[in-house]
N, C-alpha and C. Protein backbone atom coordinates (compact mmCIF):
# COMPACT_ATOMS: atom_id res chain seq x y z
N UNK A 1 192.31 126.63 12.51
CA UNK A 1 192.42 127.38 13.74
C UNK A 1 191.24 127.07 14.63
N UNK A 2 191.53 126.78 15.90
CA UNK A 2 190.46 126.54 16.85
C UNK A 2 189.61 127.76 17.08
N UNK A 3 190.23 128.95 16.99
CA UNK A 3 189.47 130.20 17.18
C UNK A 3 188.41 130.33 16.11
N UNK A 4 188.70 129.97 14.88
CA UNK A 4 187.71 130.02 13.80
C UNK A 4 186.55 129.09 14.09
N UNK A 5 186.85 127.90 14.62
CA UNK A 5 185.79 126.93 14.95
C UNK A 5 184.90 127.48 16.07
N UNK A 6 185.50 128.12 17.04
CA UNK A 6 184.72 128.70 18.15
C UNK A 6 183.88 129.84 17.65
N UNK A 7 184.39 130.71 16.86
CA UNK A 7 183.65 131.82 16.29
C UNK A 7 182.46 131.30 15.48
N UNK A 8 182.69 130.30 14.67
CA UNK A 8 181.63 129.73 13.86
C UNK A 8 180.55 129.10 14.73
N UNK A 9 180.98 128.37 15.77
CA UNK A 9 180.02 127.73 16.65
C UNK A 9 179.16 128.79 17.38
N UNK A 10 179.75 129.82 17.87
CA UNK A 10 179.00 130.90 18.57
C UNK A 10 178.06 131.58 17.58
N UNK A 11 178.55 131.87 16.39
CA UNK A 11 177.74 132.53 15.38
C UNK A 11 176.53 131.70 15.01
N UNK A 12 176.67 130.37 14.93
CA UNK A 12 175.60 129.50 14.49
C UNK A 12 174.66 129.09 15.64
N UNK A 13 175.06 129.32 16.87
CA UNK A 13 174.29 128.86 18.04
C UNK A 13 173.00 129.62 18.21
N UNK A 14 171.96 128.93 18.69
CA UNK A 14 170.68 129.58 19.03
C UNK A 14 170.79 130.26 20.40
N UNK A 15 171.61 129.69 21.28
CA UNK A 15 171.85 130.28 22.61
C UNK A 15 173.23 129.78 23.09
N UNK A 16 173.76 130.48 24.06
CA UNK A 16 175.09 130.19 24.59
C UNK A 16 174.96 129.88 26.07
N UNK A 17 175.63 128.81 26.51
CA UNK A 17 175.74 128.47 27.90
C UNK A 17 177.20 128.68 28.25
N UNK A 18 177.48 129.66 29.15
CA UNK A 18 178.85 130.00 29.50
C UNK A 18 179.11 129.75 30.95
N UNK A 19 180.03 128.87 31.23
CA UNK A 19 180.45 128.59 32.62
C UNK A 19 181.69 129.47 32.90
N UNK A 20 181.50 130.51 33.70
CA UNK A 20 182.58 131.44 33.96
C UNK A 20 183.32 131.14 35.25
N UNK A 21 183.06 129.94 35.83
CA UNK A 21 183.81 129.54 37.01
C UNK A 21 185.29 129.57 36.71
N UNK A 22 186.06 130.22 37.54
CA UNK A 22 187.49 130.30 37.32
C UNK A 22 187.92 131.45 36.40
N UNK A 23 186.97 132.12 35.80
CA UNK A 23 187.24 133.27 34.93
C UNK A 23 188.29 133.00 33.88
N UNK A 24 188.16 131.87 33.21
CA UNK A 24 189.04 131.54 32.13
C UNK A 24 188.99 132.63 31.06
N UNK A 25 190.14 133.20 30.68
CA UNK A 25 190.15 134.31 29.68
C UNK A 25 189.46 133.93 28.37
N UNK A 26 189.66 132.70 27.92
CA UNK A 26 189.03 132.29 26.66
C UNK A 26 187.50 132.32 26.79
N UNK A 27 186.97 131.83 27.90
CA UNK A 27 185.53 131.80 28.12
C UNK A 27 184.99 133.25 28.20
N UNK A 28 185.74 134.11 28.86
CA UNK A 28 185.30 135.50 28.98
C UNK A 28 185.26 136.17 27.60
N UNK A 29 186.27 135.89 26.76
CA UNK A 29 186.28 136.43 25.39
C UNK A 29 185.07 135.91 24.61
N UNK A 30 184.84 134.59 24.72
CA UNK A 30 183.70 133.99 24.01
C UNK A 30 182.36 134.57 24.48
N UNK A 31 182.26 134.82 25.78
CA UNK A 31 181.07 135.44 26.32
C UNK A 31 180.87 136.85 25.75
N UNK A 32 181.94 137.61 25.69
CA UNK A 32 181.88 138.94 25.10
C UNK A 32 181.49 138.90 23.61
N UNK A 33 182.03 137.94 22.88
CA UNK A 33 181.74 137.80 21.48
C UNK A 33 180.25 137.45 21.29
N UNK A 34 179.75 136.53 22.10
CA UNK A 34 178.33 136.18 22.06
C UNK A 34 177.45 137.39 22.35
N UNK A 35 177.85 138.17 23.34
CA UNK A 35 177.09 139.38 23.67
C UNK A 35 177.11 140.36 22.51
N UNK A 36 178.25 140.51 21.85
CA UNK A 36 178.33 141.41 20.71
C UNK A 36 177.42 141.00 19.55
N UNK A 37 177.19 139.69 19.47
CA UNK A 37 176.29 139.15 18.43
C UNK A 37 174.83 139.14 18.90
N UNK A 38 174.58 139.65 20.12
CA UNK A 38 173.24 139.63 20.69
C UNK A 38 172.65 138.24 20.82
N UNK A 39 173.48 137.25 21.13
CA UNK A 39 173.03 135.92 21.34
C UNK A 39 172.43 135.79 22.75
N UNK A 40 171.36 135.03 22.90
CA UNK A 40 170.86 134.76 24.24
C UNK A 40 171.91 133.95 25.01
N UNK A 41 172.19 134.37 26.23
CA UNK A 41 173.25 133.74 27.00
C UNK A 41 172.76 133.33 28.38
N UNK A 42 173.12 132.14 28.79
CA UNK A 42 172.91 131.70 30.18
C UNK A 42 174.30 131.57 30.79
N UNK A 43 174.53 132.27 31.87
CA UNK A 43 175.84 132.24 32.56
C UNK A 43 175.70 131.38 33.79
N UNK A 44 176.58 130.39 33.92
CA UNK A 44 176.62 129.56 35.12
C UNK A 44 177.95 129.80 35.81
N UNK A 45 177.96 129.61 37.13
CA UNK A 45 179.12 129.95 37.92
C UNK A 45 179.06 129.25 39.27
N UNK A 46 180.17 128.70 39.69
CA UNK A 46 180.20 128.07 41.03
C UNK A 46 180.36 129.08 42.12
N UNK A 47 180.82 130.29 41.80
CA UNK A 47 181.04 131.31 42.80
C UNK A 47 180.69 132.68 42.20
N UNK A 48 179.43 133.03 42.30
CA UNK A 48 178.97 134.31 41.74
C UNK A 48 179.68 135.50 42.36
N UNK A 49 180.01 135.39 43.63
CA UNK A 49 180.71 136.49 44.31
C UNK A 49 182.08 136.83 43.70
N UNK A 50 182.68 135.87 42.96
CA UNK A 50 183.96 136.10 42.34
C UNK A 50 183.85 136.69 40.94
N UNK A 51 182.64 136.96 40.49
CA UNK A 51 182.45 137.53 39.16
C UNK A 51 183.07 138.92 39.05
N UNK A 52 183.69 139.24 37.90
CA UNK A 52 184.19 140.58 37.72
C UNK A 52 183.02 141.58 37.63
N UNK A 53 183.32 142.85 37.92
CA UNK A 53 182.28 143.86 38.01
C UNK A 53 181.40 143.95 36.75
N UNK A 54 182.00 143.75 35.58
CA UNK A 54 181.21 143.91 34.36
C UNK A 54 180.33 142.72 34.03
N UNK A 55 180.47 141.64 34.79
CA UNK A 55 179.61 140.48 34.61
C UNK A 55 178.73 140.25 35.83
N UNK A 56 179.07 140.89 36.92
CA UNK A 56 178.32 140.70 38.20
C UNK A 56 176.84 141.04 38.05
N UNK A 57 176.51 142.01 37.21
CA UNK A 57 175.13 142.39 37.05
C UNK A 57 174.30 141.42 36.22
N UNK A 58 174.94 140.49 35.53
CA UNK A 58 174.21 139.50 34.75
C UNK A 58 173.56 138.49 35.66
N UNK A 59 172.40 138.01 35.31
CA UNK A 59 171.78 136.92 36.05
C UNK A 59 172.62 135.67 35.81
N UNK A 60 172.99 135.01 36.87
CA UNK A 60 173.83 133.83 36.77
C UNK A 60 173.17 132.68 37.54
N UNK A 61 173.38 131.48 37.01
CA UNK A 61 172.91 130.29 37.70
C UNK A 61 174.08 129.75 38.51
N UNK A 62 173.94 129.79 39.82
CA UNK A 62 175.01 129.27 40.68
C UNK A 62 174.81 127.75 40.85
N UNK A 63 175.87 127.01 40.82
CA UNK A 63 175.79 125.57 40.97
C UNK A 63 176.95 125.03 41.78
N UNK A 64 176.74 123.86 42.27
CA UNK A 64 177.74 123.12 43.04
C UNK A 64 177.91 121.77 42.41
N UNK A 65 179.06 121.17 42.62
CA UNK A 65 179.29 119.80 42.17
C UNK A 65 179.31 118.87 43.36
N UNK A 66 178.69 117.75 43.31
CA UNK A 66 177.86 117.28 42.19
C UNK A 66 176.58 118.13 42.06
N UNK A 67 176.11 118.23 40.86
CA UNK A 67 174.91 119.02 40.59
C UNK A 67 173.72 118.46 41.35
N UNK A 68 172.89 119.37 41.82
CA UNK A 68 171.66 118.98 42.49
C UNK A 68 170.49 119.07 41.52
N UNK A 69 169.39 118.46 41.89
CA UNK A 69 168.18 118.56 41.06
C UNK A 69 167.75 120.02 40.93
N UNK A 70 167.92 120.79 42.00
CA UNK A 70 167.59 122.22 41.99
C UNK A 70 168.47 122.94 40.97
N UNK A 71 169.79 122.64 40.92
CA UNK A 71 170.67 123.24 39.92
C UNK A 71 170.18 122.97 38.50
N UNK A 72 169.81 121.71 38.23
CA UNK A 72 169.37 121.31 36.91
C UNK A 72 168.07 122.03 36.55
N UNK A 73 167.14 122.07 37.46
CA UNK A 73 165.85 122.73 37.21
C UNK A 73 166.02 124.23 36.92
N UNK A 74 166.90 124.89 37.67
CA UNK A 74 167.16 126.29 37.42
C UNK A 74 167.81 126.52 36.06
N UNK A 75 168.77 125.68 35.74
CA UNK A 75 169.43 125.81 34.43
C UNK A 75 168.44 125.59 33.29
N UNK A 76 167.60 124.57 33.40
CA UNK A 76 166.58 124.30 32.40
C UNK A 76 165.66 125.51 32.24
N UNK A 77 165.27 126.09 33.36
CA UNK A 77 164.37 127.24 33.30
C UNK A 77 165.02 128.41 32.57
N UNK A 78 166.31 128.68 32.86
CA UNK A 78 167.02 129.76 32.17
C UNK A 78 167.13 129.48 30.67
N UNK A 79 167.45 128.22 30.31
CA UNK A 79 167.57 127.86 28.90
C UNK A 79 166.24 127.97 28.17
N UNK A 80 165.16 127.56 28.84
CA UNK A 80 163.84 127.72 28.25
C UNK A 80 163.57 129.21 27.94
N UNK A 81 163.88 130.07 28.91
CA UNK A 81 163.67 131.49 28.69
C UNK A 81 164.50 132.02 27.53
N UNK A 82 165.76 131.61 27.45
CA UNK A 82 166.64 132.06 26.35
C UNK A 82 166.11 131.64 24.98
N UNK A 83 165.64 130.41 24.93
CA UNK A 83 165.20 129.83 23.67
C UNK A 83 163.72 130.12 23.37
N UNK A 84 163.02 130.73 24.33
CA UNK A 84 161.61 131.02 24.11
C UNK A 84 160.76 129.76 24.02
N UNK A 85 161.14 128.75 24.82
CA UNK A 85 160.43 127.47 24.82
C UNK A 85 159.55 127.35 26.05
N UNK A 86 158.43 126.62 25.89
CA UNK A 86 157.58 126.31 27.02
C UNK A 86 158.12 125.14 27.79
N UNK A 87 158.83 124.24 27.08
CA UNK A 87 159.33 123.05 27.73
C UNK A 87 160.64 122.65 27.07
N UNK A 88 161.58 122.18 27.86
CA UNK A 88 162.89 121.72 27.37
C UNK A 88 163.13 120.33 27.93
N UNK A 89 163.43 119.38 27.06
CA UNK A 89 163.68 118.02 27.50
C UNK A 89 164.99 117.94 28.23
N UNK A 90 165.01 117.23 29.37
CA UNK A 90 166.25 117.07 30.11
C UNK A 90 166.83 115.69 29.96
N UNK A 91 166.28 114.90 29.03
CA UNK A 91 166.81 113.54 28.85
C UNK A 91 167.76 113.47 27.67
């Protein structure tokens, strides 16, 4: 079952990166599961204004395609914070 693989991956992860652009129900479920496990989560979204009310209060990294250097730097900063790292390699 793909669901078992997803559950195992979330359970084993040090941190979760969730792209909620488009509000895919599977992604929203996975985000909720990660939250229930108290996993550090970075939420990215192309349209923060479209976030549902229960996610709108979360800090989100807004991005555009193609990604800009600013998008990448902000994402790296959020991941560093989640993982408690001073530096994160982007290569």
